[in-house]
Every structure is written in C-alpha cells, then in structure tokens.
Amino acid sequence: MAALKALVIGMGVLIVAGTVTLAVLLVQRLGAAPGGGAPSALALGEPEGSRIGGIAATERAIAVWVVRPDGERVILLDPSGARRIGEVRLRD
C-alpha cells in the first residue's frame, strides 16, 4: 500500500511540473516579439489637406485609402518593408 501511495504522489508531482512547464512555454512564446517587423512610423508623402479615409490589409499588401484635395487614391504598401508598391487613382 505504501508503494501505491508513493506512486500516486510521484505522478501528481509530474502532472503539476508538466502543467507549470507548459504554462511557462506558452507565456514565453506569446510574449515574444516577432522579428523584422515594420517600422513604427511611415510618411506617405501626400500633399497638405490629405487625410486617410480607410485602411485594409491582406497577406501581401496594406491598402491605404487617401482622400486628397485633387482626388482619391488607394496606396498599396508592402507590409514587410512598409514601402510603397503601387497606387490606384480613384478620381482625378
């Protein structure tokens, strides 16, 4: 009976240790910053009086709808390097 009691206590300790290890690994992986992220500031170089009308993102591009005094445009940005990859003029 003493051997069974020791076995149950040993297994309980293993379950607790495994749960703590799993929790620590999850916190470390969720809290890790992804490498090579986009810069925090980006200037689009639009003229005075322009404003952002909307933003949409896909896996390959970030689309920024810009309302300018001379017309509306959608600027396409590369999310990995945050560089301009295209522009669509909606109204001139």
PDB file of N, CA and C in Angstrom:
ATOM      1  N   MET A   1       0.814  -1.184   0.000  1.00  0.00           N
ATOM      2  CA  MET A   1       0.000   0.000   0.000  1.00  0.00           C
ATOM      3  C   MET A   1       0.867   1.262   0.000  1.00  0.00           C
ATOM      4  N   ALA A   2       2.007   1.205   0.672  1.00  0.00           N
ATOM      5  CA  ALA A   2       2.903   2.363   0.719  1.00  0.00           C
ATOM      6  C   ALA A   2       3.497   2.643  -0.655  1.00  0.00           C
ATOM      7  N   ALA A   3       3.761   1.575  -1.420  1.00  0.00           N
ATOM      8  CA  ALA A   3       4.312   1.762  -2.764  1.00  0.00           C
ATOM      9  C   ALA A   3       3.297   2.455  -3.677  1.00  0.00           C
ATOM     10  N   LEU A   4       2.030   2.069  -3.561  1.00  0.00           N
ATOM     11  CA  LEU A   4       0.971   2.695  -4.361  1.00  0.00           C
ATOM     12  C   LEU A   4       0.824   4.169  -4.001  1.00  0.00           C
ATOM     13  N   LYS A   5       0.895   4.465  -2.714  1.00  0.00           N
ATOM     14  CA  LYS A   5       0.796   5.853  -2.250  1.00  0.00           C
ATOM     15  C   LYS A   5       1.950   6.685  -2.807  1.00  0.00           C
ATOM     16  N   ALA A   6       3.168   6.152  -2.785  1.00  0.00           N
ATOM     17  CA  ALA A   6       4.338   6.858  -3.316  1.00  0.00           C
ATOM     18  C   ALA A   6       4.206   7.055  -4.824  1.00  0.00           C
ATOM     19  N   LEU A   7       3.670   6.054  -5.525  1.00  0.00           N
ATOM     20  CA  LEU A   7       3.475   6.149  -6.969  1.00  0.00           C
ATOM     21  C   LEU A   7       2.463   7.246  -7.319  1.00  0.00           C
ATOM     22  N   VAL A   8       1.370   7.325  -6.599  1.00  0.00           N
ATOM     23  CA  VAL A   8       0.345   8.352  -6.841  1.00  0.00           C
ATOM     24  C   VAL A   8       0.910   9.744  -6.558  1.00  0.00           C
ATOM     25  N   ILE A   9       1.661   9.897  -5.490  1.00  0.00           N
ATOM     26  CA  ILE A   9       2.268  11.195  -5.173  1.00  0.00           C
ATOM     27  C   ILE A   9       3.275  11.580  -6.251  1.00  0.00           C
ATOM     28  N   GLY A  10       4.084  10.632  -6.698  1.00  0.00           N
ATOM     29  CA  GLY A  10       5.060  10.901  -7.761  1.00  0.00           C
ATOM     30  C   GLY A  10       4.384  11.338  -9.057  1.00  0.00           C
ATOM     31  N   MET A  11       3.307  10.656  -9.433  1.00  0.00           N
ATOM     32  CA  MET A  11       2.579  11.040 -10.645  1.00  0.00           C
ATOM     33  C   MET A  11       1.924  12.415 -10.500  1.00  0.00           C
ATOM     34  N   GLY A  12       1.438  12.718  -9.330  1.00  0.00           N
ATOM     35  CA  GLY A  12       0.853  14.044  -9.089  1.00  0.00           C
ATOM     36  C   GLY A  12       1.884  15.147  -9.253  1.00  0.00           C
ATOM     37  N   VAL A  13       3.092  14.905  -8.745  1.00  0.00           N
ATOM     38  CA  VAL A  13       4.177  15.877  -8.896  1.00  0.00           C
ATOM     39  C   VAL A  13       4.528  16.053 -10.370  1.00  0.00           C
ATOM     40  N   LEU A  14       4.571  14.968 -11.135  1.00  0.00           N
ATOM     41  CA  LEU A  14       4.859  15.053 -12.569  1.00  0.00           C
ATOM     42  C   LEU A  14       3.773  15.837 -13.320  1.00  0.00           C
ATOM     43  N   ILE A  15       2.522  15.640 -12.973  1.00  0.00           N
ATOM     44  CA  ILE A  15       1.429  16.382 -13.616  1.00  0.00           C
ATOM     45  C   ILE A  15       1.556  17.874 -13.331  1.00  0.00           C
ATOM     46  N   VAL A  16       1.823  18.230 -12.086  1.00  0.00           N
ATOM     47  CA  VAL A  16       1.974  19.649 -11.726  1.00  0.00           C
ATOM     48  C   VAL A  16       3.183  20.252 -12.438  1.00  0.00           C
ATOM     49  N   ALA A  17       4.306  19.541 -12.463  1.00  0.00           N
ATOM     50  CA  ALA A  17       5.511  20.054 -13.130  1.00  0.00           C
ATOM     51  C   ALA A  17       5.269  20.226 -14.628  1.00  0.00           C
ATOM     52  N   GLY A  18       4.592  19.295 -15.255  1.00  0.00           N
ATOM     53  CA  GLY A  18       4.287  19.407 -16.680  1.00  0.00           C
ATOM     54  C   GLY A  18       3.367  20.575 -16.985  1.00  0.00           C
ATOM     55  N   THR A  19       2.369  20.793 -16.146  1.00  0.00           N
ATOM     56  CA  THR A  19       1.445  21.915 -16.336  1.00  0.00           C
ATOM     57  C   THR A  19       2.165  23.248 -16.185  1.00  0.00           C
ATOM     58  N   VAL A  20       3.027  23.363 -15.196  1.00  0.00           N
ATOM     59  CA  VAL A  20       3.790  24.598 -14.997  1.00  0.00           C
ATOM     60  C   VAL A  20       4.722  24.839 -16.185  1.00  0.00           C
ATOM     61  N   THR A  21       5.386  23.800 -16.664  1.00  0.00           N
ATOM     62  CA  THR A  21       6.280  23.935 -17.821  1.00  0.00           C
ATOM     63  C   THR A  21       5.510  24.387 -19.055  1.00  0.00           C
ATOM     64  N   LEU A  22       4.358  23.799 -19.301  1.00  0.00           N
ATOM     65  CA  LEU A  22       3.528  24.180 -20.443  1.00  0.00           C
ATOM     66  C   LEU A  22       3.084  25.638 -20.340  1.00  0.00           C
ATOM     67  N   ALA A  23       2.672  26.067 -19.161  1.00  0.00           N
ATOM     68  CA  ALA A  23       2.246  27.460 -18.972  1.00  0.00           C
ATOM     69  C   ALA A  23       3.400  28.429 -19.212  1.00  0.00           C
ATOM     70  N   VAL A  24       4.581  28.107 -18.713  1.00  0.00           N
ATOM     71  CA  VAL A  24       5.747  28.977 -18.903  1.00  0.00           C
ATOM     72  C   VAL A  24       6.106  29.075 -20.384  1.00  0.00           C
ATOM     73  N   LEU A  25       6.106  27.961 -21.099  1.00  0.00           N
ATOM     74  CA  LEU A  25       6.421  27.981 -22.531  1.00  0.00           C
ATOM     75  C   LEU A  25       5.395  28.784 -23.326  1.00  0.00           C
ATOM     76  N   LEU A  26       4.122  28.654 -23.006  1.00  0.00           N
ATOM     77  CA  LEU A  26       3.088  29.430 -23.697  1.00  0.00           C
ATOM     78  C   LEU A  26       3.266  30.925 -23.474  1.00  0.00           C
ATOM     79  N   VAL A  27       3.550  31.319 -22.255  1.00  0.00           N
ATOM     80  CA  VAL A  27       3.751  32.741 -21.960  1.00  0.00           C
ATOM     81  C   VAL A  27       4.973  33.270 -22.697  1.00  0.00           C
ATOM     82  N   GLN A  28       6.037  32.505 -22.747  1.00  0.00           N
ATOM     83  CA  GLN A  28       7.245  32.941 -23.449  1.00  0.00           C
ATOM     84  C   GLN A  28       7.005  33.084 -24.942  1.00  0.00           C
ATOM     85  N   ARG A  29       6.318  32.147 -25.547  1.00  0.00           N
ATOM     86  CA  ARG A  29       6.094  32.197 -26.997  1.00  0.00           C
ATOM     87  C   ARG A  29       5.080  33.258 -27.387  1.00  0.00           C
ATOM     88  N   LEU A  30       4.067  33.474 -26.588  1.00  0.00           N
ATOM     89  CA  LEU A  30       3.082  34.508 -26.897  1.00  0.00           C
ATOM     90  C   LEU A  30       3.636  35.899 -26.650  1.00  0.00           C
ATOM     91  N   GLY A  31       4.544  36.033 -25.712  1.00  0.00           N
ATOM     92  CA  GLY A  31       5.110  37.335 -25.383  1.00  0.00           C
ATOM     93  C   GLY A  31       6.297  37.726 -26.236  1.00  0.00           C
ATOM     94  N   ALA A  32       6.825  36.802 -27.018  1.00  0.00           N
ATOM     95  CA  ALA A  32       7.999  37.098 -27.844  1.00  0.00           C
ATOM     96  C   ALA A  32       7.613  38.015 -28.993  1.00  0.00           C
ATOM     97  N   ALA A  33       8.424  39.040 -29.219  1.00  0.00           N
ATOM     98  CA  ALA A  33       8.180  39.972 -30.323  1.00  0.00           C
ATOM     99  C   ALA A  33       8.612  39.321 -31.628  1.00  0.00           C
ATOM    100  N   PRO A  34       7.779  39.433 -32.664  1.00  0.00           N
ATOM    101  CA  PRO A  34       8.180  38.875 -33.953  1.00  0.00           C
ATOM    102  C   PRO A  34       9.341  39.659 -34.540  1.00  0.00           C
ATOM    103  N   GLY A  35      10.263  38.979 -35.156  1.00  0.00           N
ATOM    104  CA  GLY A  35      11.430  39.646 -35.723  1.00  0.00           C
ATOM    105  C   GLY A  35      11.132  40.294 -37.055  1.00  0.00           C
ATOM    106  N   GLY A  36      11.821  41.379 -37.342  1.00  0.00           N
ATOM    107  CA  GLY A  36      11.705  42.019 -38.641  1.00  0.00           C
ATOM    108  C   GLY A  36      10.388  42.708 -38.887  1.00  0.00           C
ATOM    109  N   GLY A  37       9.798  43.276 -37.893  1.00  0.00           N
ATOM    110  CA  GLY A  37       8.525  43.955 -38.063  1.00  0.00           C
ATOM    111  C   GLY A  37       8.658  45.257 -38.827  1.00  0.00           C
ATOM    112  N   ALA A  38       7.532  45.786 -39.226  1.00  0.00           N
ATOM    113  CA  ALA A  38       7.509  47.047 -39.962  1.00  0.00           C
ATOM    114  C   ALA A  38       7.881  48.200 -39.032  1.00  0.00           C
ATOM    115  N   PRO A  39       8.436  49.259 -39.578  1.00  0.00           N
ATOM    116  CA  PRO A  39       8.767  50.410 -38.745  1.00  0.00           C
ATOM    117  C   PRO A  39       7.509  51.020 -38.139  1.00  0.00           C
ATOM    118  N   SER A  40       7.670  51.675 -36.994  1.00  0.00           N
ATOM    119  CA  SER A  40       6.507  52.223 -36.310  1.00  0.00           C
ATOM    120  C   SER A  40       6.019  53.523 -36.932  1.00  0.00           C
ATOM    121  N   ALA A  41       6.845  54.214 -37.686  1.00  0.00           N
ATOM    122  CA  ALA A  41       6.435  55.471 -38.315  1.00  0.00           C
ATOM    123  C   ALA A  41       6.710  55.389 -39.810  1.00  0.00           C
ATOM    124  N   LEU A  42       5.760  55.893 -40.593  1.00  0.00           N
ATOM    125  CA  LEU A  42       5.899  55.859 -42.042  1.00  0.00           C
ATOM    126  C   LEU A  42       5.237  57.104 -42.609  1.00  0.00           C
ATOM    127  N   ALA A  43       5.948  57.834 -43.439  1.00  0.00           N
ATOM    128  CA  ALA A  43       5.399  59.026 -44.093  1.00  0.00           C
ATOM    129  C   ALA A  43       4.982  58.647 -45.511  1.00  0.00           C
ATOM    130  N   LEU A  44       3.736  58.939 -45.867  1.00  0.00           N
ATOM    131  CA  LEU A  44       3.239  58.621 -47.201  1.00  0.00           C
ATOM    132  C   LEU A  44       3.605  59.689 -48.221  1.00  0.00           C
ATOM    133  N   GLY A  45       3.972  60.876 -47.762  1.00  0.00           N
ATOM    134  CA  GLY A  45       4.373  61.939 -48.674  1.00  0.00           C
ATOM    135  C   GLY A  45       3.218  62.529 -49.463  1.00  0.00           C
ATOM    136  N   GLU A  46       2.056  62.602 -48.868  1.00  0.00           N
ATOM    137  CA  GLU A  46       0.884  63.165 -49.543  1.00  0.00           C
ATOM    138  C   GLU A  46       0.825  64.675 -49.319  1.00  0.00           C
ATOM    139  N   PRO A  47       0.163  65.421 -50.226  1.00  0.00           N
ATOM    140  CA  PRO A  47       0.121  66.880 -50.103  1.00  0.00           C
ATOM    141  C   PRO A  47      -0.720  67.354 -48.917  1.00  0.00           C
ATOM    142  N   GLU A  48      -0.544  68.618 -48.578  1.00  0.00           N
ATOM    143  CA  GLU A  48      -1.294  69.261 -47.490  1.00  0.00           C
ATOM    144  C   GLU A  48      -2.792  69.131 -47.759  1.00  0.00           C
ATOM    145  N   GLY A  49      -3.557  68.849 -46.732  1.00  0.00           N
ATOM    146  CA  GLY A  49      -5.001  68.717 -46.865  1.00  0.00           C
ATOM    147  C   GLY A  49      -5.459  67.288 -47.116  1.00  0.00           C
ATOM    148  N   SER A  50      -4.525  66.354 -47.242  1.00  0.00           N
ATOM    149  CA  SER A  50      -4.876  64.946 -47.452  1.00  0.00           C
ATOM    150  C   SER A  50      -5.249  64.317 -46.120  1.00  0.00           C
ATOM    151  N   ARG A  51      -6.101  63.300 -46.190  1.00  0.00           N
ATOM    152  CA  ARG A  51      -6.459  62.560 -44.977  1.00  0.00           C
ATOM    153  C   ARG A  51      -6.654  61.097 -45.337  1.00  0.00           C
ATOM    154  N   ILE A  52      -6.515  60.233 -44.356  1.00  0.00           N
ATOM    155  CA  ILE A  52      -6.709  58.805 -44.575  1.00  0.00           C
ATOM    156  C   ILE A  52      -8.192  58.509 -44.433  1.00  0.00           C
ATOM    157  N   GLY A  53      -8.780  57.930 -45.488  1.00  0.00           N
ATOM    158  CA  GLY A  53     -10.196  57.583 -45.479  1.00  0.00           C
ATOM    159  C   GLY A  53     -10.447  56.174 -44.976  1.00  0.00           C
ATOM    160  N   GLY A  54      -9.446  55.304 -45.063  1.00  0.00           N
ATOM    161  CA  GLY A  54      -9.603  53.930 -44.598  1.00  0.00           C
ATOM    162  C   GLY A  54      -8.335  53.129 -44.825  1.00  0.00           C
ATOM    163  N   ILE A  55      -8.265  51.992 -44.145  1.00  0.00           N
ATOM    164  CA  ILE A  55      -7.111  51.101 -44.256  1.00  0.00           C
ATOM    165  C   ILE A  55      -7.632  49.667 -44.297  1.00  0.00           C
ATOM    166  N   ALA A  56      -7.048  48.849 -45.172  1.00  0.00           N
ATOM    167  CA  ALA A  56      -7.373  47.422 -45.239  1.00  0.00           C
ATOM    168  C   ALA A  56      -6.069  46.656 -45.431  1.00  0.00           C
ATOM    169  N   ALA A  57      -6.034  45.440 -44.909  1.00  0.00           N
ATOM    170  CA  ALA A  57      -4.804  44.646 -45.002  1.00  0.00           C
ATOM    171  C   ALA A  57      -5.104  43.255 -45.537  1.00  0.00           C
ATOM    172  N   THR A  58      -4.172  42.736 -46.328  1.00  0.00           N
ATOM    173  CA  THR A  58      -4.191  41.350 -46.779  1.00  0.00           C
ATOM    174  C   THR A  58      -2.834  40.754 -46.429  1.00  0.00           C
ATOM    175  N   GLU A  59      -2.601  39.528 -46.861  1.00  0.00           N
ATOM    176  CA  GLU A  59      -1.303  38.901 -46.581  1.00  0.00           C
ATOM    177  C   GLU A  59      -0.180  39.565 -47.359  1.00  0.00           C
ATOM    178  N   ARG A  60      -0.495  40.099 -48.542  1.00  0.00           N
ATOM    179  CA  ARG A  60       0.551  40.624 -49.417  1.00  0.00           C
ATOM    180  C   ARG A  60       0.648  42.138 -49.459  1.00  0.00           C
ATOM    181  N   ALA A  61      -0.360  42.851 -48.976  1.00  0.00           N
ATOM    182  CA  ALA A  61      -0.319  44.313 -49.085  1.00  0.00           C
ATOM    183  C   ALA A  61      -1.202  44.964 -48.033  1.00  0.00           C
ATOM    184  N   ILE A  62      -0.881  46.222 -47.748  1.00  0.00           N
ATOM    185  CA  ILE A  62      -1.725  47.081 -46.924  1.00  0.00           C
ATOM    186  C   ILE A  62      -2.236  48.175 -47.849  1.00  0.00           C
ATOM    187  N   ALA A  63      -3.557  48.320 -47.921  1.00  0.00           N
ATOM    188  CA  ALA A  63      -4.162  49.334 -48.782  1.00  0.00           C
ATOM    189  C   ALA A  63      -4.600  50.512 -47.920  1.00  0.00           C
ATOM    190  N   VAL A  64      -4.143  51.707 -48.289  1.00  0.00           N
ATOM    191  CA  VAL A  64      -4.493  52.931 -47.557  1.00  0.00           C
ATOM    192  C   VAL A  64      -5.276  53.824 -48.510  1.00  0.00           C
ATOM    193  N   TRP A  65      -6.542  54.088 -48.177  1.00  0.00           N
ATOM    194  CA  TRP A  65      -7.387  54.968 -48.974  1.00  0.00           C
ATOM    195  C   TRP A  65      -7.090  56.395 -48.530  1.00  0.00           C
ATOM    196  N   VAL A  66      -6.567  57.213 -49.442  1.00  0.00           N
ATOM    197  CA  VAL A  66      -6.177  58.586 -49.136  1.00  0.00           C
ATOM    198  C   VAL A  66      -7.117  59.535 -49.874  1.00  0.00           C
ATOM    199  N   VAL A  67      -7.736  60.438 -49.133  1.00  0.00           N
ATOM    200  CA  VAL A  67      -8.598  61.469 -49.714  1.00  0.00           C
ATOM    201  C   VAL A  67      -7.762  62.734 -49.817  1.00  0.00           C
ATOM    202  N   ARG A  68      -7.492  63.153 -51.069  1.00  0.00           N
ATOM    203  CA  ARG A  68      -6.664  64.325 -51.332  1.00  0.00           C
ATOM    204  C   ARG A  68      -7.524  65.429 -51.928  1.00  0.00           C
ATOM    205  N   PRO A  69      -7.051  66.670 -51.869  1.00  0.00           N
ATOM    206  CA  PRO A  69      -7.802  67.766 -52.487  1.00  0.00           C
ATOM    207  C   PRO A  69      -7.990  67.573 -53.996  1.00  0.00           C
ATOM    208  N   ASP A  70      -7.051  66.899 -54.657  1.00  0.00           N
ATOM    209  CA  ASP A  70      -7.141  66.711 -56.107  1.00  0.00           C
ATOM    210  C   ASP A  70      -7.737  65.359 -56.504  1.00  0.00           C
ATOM    211  N   GLY A  71      -8.224  64.581 -55.571  1.00  0.00           N
ATOM    212  CA  GLY A  71      -8.838  63.291 -55.873  1.00  0.00           C
ATOM    213  C   GLY A  71      -8.487  62.244 -54.836  1.00  0.00           C
ATOM    214  N   GLU A  72      -9.118  61.084 -54.973  1.00  0.00           N
ATOM    215  CA  GLU A  72      -8.892  59.998 -54.028  1.00  0.00           C
ATOM    216  C   GLU A  72      -7.967  58.955 -54.636  1.00  0.00           C
ATOM    217  N   ARG A  73      -7.201  58.291 -53.767  1.00  0.00           N
ATOM    218  CA  ARG A  73      -6.253  57.269 -54.212  1.00  0.00           C
ATOM    219  C   ARG A  73      -6.200  56.141 -53.191  1.00  0.00           C
ATOM    220  N   VAL A  74      -5.814  54.990 -53.676  1.00  0.00           N
ATOM    221  CA  VAL A  74      -5.510  53.862 -52.802  1.00  0.00           C
ATOM    222  C   VAL A  74      -4.024  53.567 -52.978  1.00  0.00           C
ATOM    223  N   ILE A  75      -3.286  53.674 -51.897  1.00  0.00           N
ATOM    224  CA  ILE A  75      -1.846  53.422 -51.915  1.00  0.00           C
ATOM    225  C   ILE A  75      -1.617  52.023 -51.359  1.00  0.00           C
ATOM    226  N   LEU A  76      -0.857  51.222 -52.092  1.00  0.00           N
ATOM    227  CA  LEU A  76      -0.548  49.860 -51.667  1.00  0.00           C
ATOM    228  C   LEU A  76       0.853  49.822 -51.074  1.00  0.00           C
ATOM    229  N   LEU A  77       0.954  49.286 -49.863  1.00  0.00           N
ATOM    230  CA  LEU A  77       2.229  49.206 -49.149  1.00  0.00           C
ATOM    231  C   LEU A  77       2.594  47.749 -48.906  1.00  0.00           C
ATOM    232  N   ASP A  78       3.882  47.461 -48.965  1.00  0.00           N
ATOM    233  CA  ASP A  78       4.403  46.141 -48.634  1.00  0.00           C
ATOM    234  C   ASP A  78       4.472  46.039 -47.111  1.00  0.00           C
ATOM    235  N   PRO A  79       3.758  45.087 -46.484  1.00  0.00           N
ATOM    236  CA  PRO A  79       3.756  45.031 -45.019  1.00  0.00           C
ATOM    237  C   PRO A  79       5.094  44.638 -44.407  1.00  0.00           C
ATOM    238  N   SER A  80       5.935  43.922 -45.131  1.00  0.00           N
ATOM    239  CA  SER A  80       7.205  43.502 -44.534  1.00  0.00           C
ATOM    240  C   SER A  80       8.219  44.635 -44.487  1.00  0.00           C
ATOM    241  N   GLY A  81       8.242  45.499 -45.496  1.00  0.00           N
ATOM    242  CA  GLY A  81       9.208  46.591 -45.515  1.00  0.00           C
ATOM    243  C   GLY A  81       8.573  47.957 -45.439  1.00  0.00           C
ATOM    244  N   ALA A  82       7.234  48.002 -45.436  1.00  0.00           N
ATOM    245  CA  ALA A  82       6.473  49.252 -45.385  1.00  0.00           C
ATOM    246  C   ALA A  82       6.924  50.222 -46.473  1.00  0.00           C
ATOM    247  N   ARG A  83       7.092  49.696 -47.688  1.00  0.00           N
ATOM    248  CA  ARG A  83       7.434  50.561 -48.812  1.00  0.00           C
ATOM    249  C   ARG A  83       6.258  50.575 -49.778  1.00  0.00           C
ATOM    250  N   ARG A  84       6.145  51.626 -50.543  1.00  0.00           N
ATOM    251  CA  ARG A  84       5.050  51.795 -51.494  1.00  0.00           C
ATOM    252  C   ARG A  84       5.269  50.858 -52.681  1.00  0.00           C
ATOM    253  N   ILE A  85       4.273  50.013 -52.975  1.00  0.00           N
ATOM    254  CA  ILE A  85       4.396  49.094 -54.108  1.00  0.00           C
ATOM    255  C   ILE A  85       3.412  49.423 -55.227  1.00  0.00           C
ATOM    256  N   GLY A  86       2.493  50.341 -54.981  1.00  0.00           N
ATOM    257  CA  GLY A  86       1.551  50.704 -56.032  1.00  0.00           C
ATOM    258  C   GLY A  86       0.602  51.795 -55.586  1.00  0.00           C
ATOM    259  N   GLU A  87      -0.102  52.354 -56.575  1.00  0.00           N
ATOM    260  CA  GLU A  87      -1.070  53.412 -56.297  1.00  0.00           C
ATOM    261  C   GLU A  87      -2.185  53.328 -57.329  1.00  0.00           C
ATOM    262  N   VAL A  88      -3.427  53.433 -56.871  1.00  0.00           N
ATOM    263  CA  VAL A  88      -4.591  53.424 -57.753  1.00  0.00           C
ATOM    264  C   VAL A  88      -5.312  54.751 -57.571  1.00  0.00           C
ATOM    265  N   ARG A  89      -5.491  55.496 -58.667  1.00  0.00           N
ATOM    266  CA  ARG A  89      -6.208  56.768 -58.603  1.00  0.00           C
ATOM    267  C   ARG A  89      -7.685  56.502 -58.823  1.00  0.00           C
ATOM    268  N   LEU A  90      -8.508  56.911 -57.870  1.00  0.00           N
ATOM    269  CA  LEU A  90      -9.944  56.684 -57.967  1.00  0.00           C
ATOM    270  C   LEU A  90     -10.645  57.812 -58.708  1.00  0.00           C
ATOM    271  N   ARG A  91     -10.265  59.052 -58.422  1.00  0.00           N
ATOM    272  CA  ARG A  91     -10.827  60.231 -59.085  1.00  0.00           C
ATOM    273  C   ARG A  91      -9.737  61.263 -59.256  1.00  0.00           C
ATOM    274  N   ASP A  92      -9.686  61.879 -60.421  1.00  0.00           N
ATOM    275  CA  ASP A  92      -8.722  62.967 -60.659  1.00  0.00           C
ATOM    276  C   ASP A  92      -9.442  64.293 -60.702  1.00  0.00           C
TER     277      ASP A  92
END
